[in-house]
Amino acid sequence: MMRFESRIAGIPCLIEVRSLEVHRPYRGSAHTCDSDTEYYGYTDCEFDVFDRRGRPADWLASKMTDADENRIIHEAKEYMRG
């Protein structure tokens, strides 16, 4: 598992990624692909939110917006790249 610093609703926190799978876009014709999701590619990411002391922070996770979640997923992919 990896852990990195981030923010949710402007509040500093730690993100612990449990799993991260990046599915690249399909390289063939859209007509031979099983679904539009697979054609364009997608990322599966499961993570937990902790406060800066490392304690679970469900109260903070409940404040997460779609924009926060997308940014955190992007940060996780960047963290994996090194």
Protein backbone atom coordinates (compact mmCIF):
# COMPACT_ATOMS: atom_id res chain seq x y z
CA MET A 1 0.00 0.00 0.00
CA MET A 2 1.10 3.53 -0.60
CA ARG A 3 0.35 6.61 1.46
CA PHE A 4 0.73 10.24 0.43
CA GLU A 5 -0.37 13.70 1.56
CA SER A 6 -3.32 15.45 -0.05
CA ARG A 7 -6.25 17.74 0.80
CA ILE A 8 -10.01 17.35 0.91
CA ALA A 9 -12.13 20.50 1.16
CA GLY A 10 -8.86 22.34 1.79
CA ILE A 11 -8.06 20.21 4.84
CA PRO A 12 -4.68 18.40 4.87
CA CYS A 13 -4.93 14.62 5.06
CA LEU A 14 -3.23 11.36 4.20
CA ILE A 15 -4.49 9.07 1.45
CA GLU A 16 -3.77 5.36 1.61
CA VAL A 17 -4.31 3.61 -1.71
CA ARG A 18 -5.53 0.01 -1.34
CA SER A 19 -5.64 -0.73 -5.07
CA LEU A 20 -4.95 1.11 -8.30
CA GLU A 21 -5.60 -0.30 -11.77
CA VAL A 22 -5.13 1.80 -14.88
CA HIS A 23 -6.87 0.40 -17.98
CA ARG A 24 -5.43 1.96 -21.10
CA PRO A 25 -7.69 2.93 -24.02
CA TYR A 26 -8.52 0.19 -26.54
CA ARG A 27 -6.25 0.31 -29.59
CA GLY A 28 -8.62 -1.22 -32.13
CA SER A 29 -11.81 -0.06 -33.74
CA ALA A 30 -14.64 1.18 -31.56
CA HIS A 31 -16.87 -1.33 -33.37
CA THR A 32 -14.86 -4.31 -32.04
CA CYS A 33 -14.58 -3.09 -28.44
CA ASP A 34 -16.93 -4.49 -25.79
CA SER A 35 -17.92 -1.11 -24.30
CA ASP A 36 -17.30 2.61 -24.53
CA THR A 37 -15.68 2.52 -21.08
CA GLU A 38 -13.07 0.04 -22.29
CA TYR A 39 -12.62 1.97 -25.55
CA TYR A 40 -11.70 5.21 -23.78
CA GLY A 41 -9.90 3.57 -20.84
CA TYR A 42 -10.52 4.04 -17.14
CA THR A 43 -8.91 3.87 -13.72
CA ASP A 44 -10.07 1.83 -10.74
CA CYS A 45 -8.76 3.26 -7.47
CA GLU A 46 -9.72 2.34 -3.92
CA PHE A 47 -8.36 4.45 -1.10
CA ASP A 48 -8.91 5.40 2.53
CA VAL A 49 -8.67 8.86 4.08
CA PHE A 50 -6.69 9.52 7.28
CA ASP A 51 -5.98 12.65 9.26
CA ARG A 52 -2.39 13.94 9.41
CA ARG A 53 -1.73 11.80 12.50
CA GLY A 54 -2.70 8.63 10.61
CA ARG A 55 -6.12 8.09 12.20
CA PRO A 56 -9.08 7.09 10.00
CA ALA A 57 -11.02 10.20 8.97
CA ASP A 58 -14.43 9.11 7.70
CA TRP A 59 -15.76 12.56 8.63
CA LEU A 60 -13.32 14.07 6.12
CA ALA A 61 -14.00 11.46 3.43
CA SER A 62 -17.69 12.44 3.62
CA LYS A 63 -16.74 16.00 2.57
CA MET A 64 -15.04 14.77 -0.62
CA THR A 65 -16.39 16.17 -3.87
CA ASP A 66 -16.07 14.56 -7.31
CA ALA A 67 -13.31 17.06 -8.07
CA ASP A 68 -11.44 15.99 -4.90
CA GLU A 69 -11.78 12.33 -5.82
CA ASN A 70 -10.56 12.90 -9.40
CA ARG A 71 -7.58 14.91 -8.15
CA ILE A 72 -6.66 12.25 -5.60
CA ILE A 73 -6.82 9.53 -8.26
CA HIS A 74 -4.57 11.66 -10.47
CA GLU A 75 -2.17 12.18 -7.54
CA ALA A 76 -2.11 8.42 -6.89
CA LYS A 77 -1.20 7.72 -10.53
CA GLU A 78 1.55 10.36 -10.40
CA TYR A 79 2.85 8.94 -7.10
CA MET A 80 3.06 5.46 -8.68
CA ARG A 81 5.08 6.83 -11.61
CA GLY A 82 7.66 8.04 -9.12
